[in-house]
Amino acid sequence: MNTVTAAPDMTSIASLVPPRSLPPARAADVSTAKKAASQFESVFVSQFLGSMFEGVSTDPPFGGGEGEAMFRSLMLDQYANAIESRGGFGLSAAITHQLLHMQESHSGGVPK
């Protein structure tokens, strides 16, 4: 006797995988969210400054020439870190709040 078995249904396979849940926000999660938010703001400010400096030439007599052109991105990163450490554009607090809100909603906690 020939028995033909049906191929497994992909939706039933997906239903076998349990949903991923995150633990509620803890103090470590808050500090991690703050650190990630300030790093994101620093990168954002660096990109913003990069757009501002695109039109500034590095030609002598007052520019740094090829050396300035080569290391300009590092200078802008340091400017961005300094700006962010002094309050930045104010994005860090909003990003931290949103990250924690998303964590709580995924873990089933009540968002604040």
Protein backbone atom coordinates (compact mmCIF):
# COMPACT_ATOMS: atom_id res chain seq x y z
CA MET A 1 0.00 0.00 0.00
CA ASN A 2 1.18 3.46 -0.87
CA THR A 3 0.52 6.06 1.75
CA VAL A 4 1.02 9.69 0.93
CA THR A 5 1.67 12.04 3.82
CA ALA A 6 0.99 15.71 3.50
CA ALA A 7 3.79 18.22 3.84
CA PRO A 8 3.79 20.02 7.22
CA ASP A 9 1.91 23.28 7.27
CA MET A 10 4.29 26.23 7.87
CA THR A 11 1.79 28.07 10.04
CA SER A 12 1.62 25.12 12.42
CA ILE A 13 5.44 25.06 12.67
CA ALA A 14 5.49 28.76 13.51
CA SER A 15 2.91 28.18 16.24
CA LEU A 16 5.27 25.71 17.93
CA VAL A 17 7.82 28.44 18.69
CA PRO A 18 6.93 30.19 21.96
CA PRO A 19 6.66 33.99 21.83
CA ARG A 20 9.71 35.85 23.10
CA SER A 21 9.15 37.81 26.27
CA LEU A 22 11.37 40.39 27.90
CA PRO A 23 11.68 40.85 31.65
CA PRO A 24 10.29 44.06 33.15
CA ALA A 25 12.60 47.07 33.27
CA ARG A 26 15.14 46.92 36.06
CA ALA A 27 17.76 49.42 37.19
CA ALA A 28 20.34 47.79 34.88
CA ASP A 29 17.91 48.09 31.96
CA VAL A 30 17.38 51.78 32.69
CA SER A 31 21.12 52.50 32.76
CA THR A 32 21.63 50.47 29.58
CA ALA A 33 18.81 52.37 27.85
CA LYS A 34 20.30 55.70 28.95
CA LYS A 35 23.73 54.71 27.65
CA ALA A 36 22.31 53.55 24.30
CA ALA A 37 20.25 56.73 23.98
CA SER A 38 23.23 59.01 24.64
CA GLN A 39 25.38 57.06 22.19
CA PHE A 40 22.65 57.38 19.56
CA GLU A 41 22.37 61.12 20.18
CA SER A 42 26.13 61.48 19.89
CA VAL A 43 26.12 59.71 16.50
CA PHE A 44 23.18 61.87 15.39
CA VAL A 45 24.99 65.08 16.38
CA SER A 46 28.16 63.87 14.60
CA GLN A 47 26.19 63.29 11.38
CA PHE A 48 24.56 66.70 11.78
CA LEU A 49 27.94 68.38 12.20
CA GLY A 50 29.31 66.45 9.22
CA SER A 51 26.63 68.01 7.03
CA MET A 52 27.53 71.45 8.35
CA PHE A 53 31.26 71.03 7.67
CA GLU A 54 30.90 69.60 4.14
CA GLY A 55 31.24 73.01 2.52
CA VAL A 56 34.16 74.20 4.66
CA SER A 57 37.39 73.95 2.72
CA THR A 58 40.65 72.74 4.23
CA ASP A 59 42.87 74.72 1.87
CA PRO A 60 45.85 76.68 3.20
CA PRO A 61 46.69 79.31 4.46
CA PHE A 62 44.15 78.89 7.28
CA GLY A 63 43.04 75.30 6.73
CA GLY A 64 44.81 72.13 7.74
CA GLY A 65 45.04 70.73 4.23
CA GLU A 66 45.03 66.98 3.69
CA GLY A 67 45.61 66.25 7.38
CA GLU A 68 42.48 68.11 8.40
CA ALA A 69 40.46 66.44 5.67
CA MET A 70 41.67 63.02 6.80
CA PHE A 71 40.93 63.50 10.51
CA ARG A 72 37.83 65.69 10.25
CA SER A 73 35.45 62.82 11.07
CA LEU A 74 37.36 62.11 14.29
CA MET A 75 37.19 65.80 15.22
CA LEU A 76 33.45 65.84 14.56
CA ASP A 77 32.97 62.73 16.72
CA GLN A 78 34.75 64.49 19.59
CA TYR A 79 32.67 67.63 19.08
CA ALA A 80 29.53 65.46 19.12
CA ASN A 81 30.60 63.71 22.34
CA ALA A 82 31.27 67.08 23.97
CA ILE A 83 27.92 68.47 22.85
CA GLU A 84 26.05 65.37 24.03
CA SER A 85 27.79 65.36 27.42
CA ARG A 86 26.57 68.94 27.96
CA GLY A 87 22.95 68.13 27.21
CA GLY A 88 23.04 67.66 23.46
CA PHE A 89 19.91 68.39 21.47
CA GLY A 90 17.66 66.88 24.14
CA LEU A 91 17.03 63.66 22.23
CA SER A 92 18.57 61.33 24.80
CA ALA A 93 15.77 61.64 27.36
CA ALA A 94 13.06 61.04 24.76
CA ILE A 95 14.90 58.03 23.32
CA THR A 96 15.45 56.55 26.79
CA HIS A 97 11.76 56.94 27.59
CA GLN A 98 10.76 55.28 24.31
CA LEU A 99 13.20 52.37 24.78
CA LEU A 100 11.87 51.66 28.28
CA HIS A 101 8.28 52.01 27.06
CA MET A 102 8.92 49.45 24.32
CA GLN A 103 10.58 47.07 26.80
CA GLU A 104 7.62 47.26 29.16
CA SER A 105 5.06 46.77 26.41
CA HIS A 106 6.91 43.67 25.12
CA SER A 107 7.17 42.18 28.60
CA GLY A 108 3.48 42.65 29.32
CA GLY A 109 4.07 45.38 31.90
CA VAL A 110 1.99 48.49 32.02
CA PRO A 111 3.79 51.36 30.26
CA LYS A 112 4.24 54.56 32.23
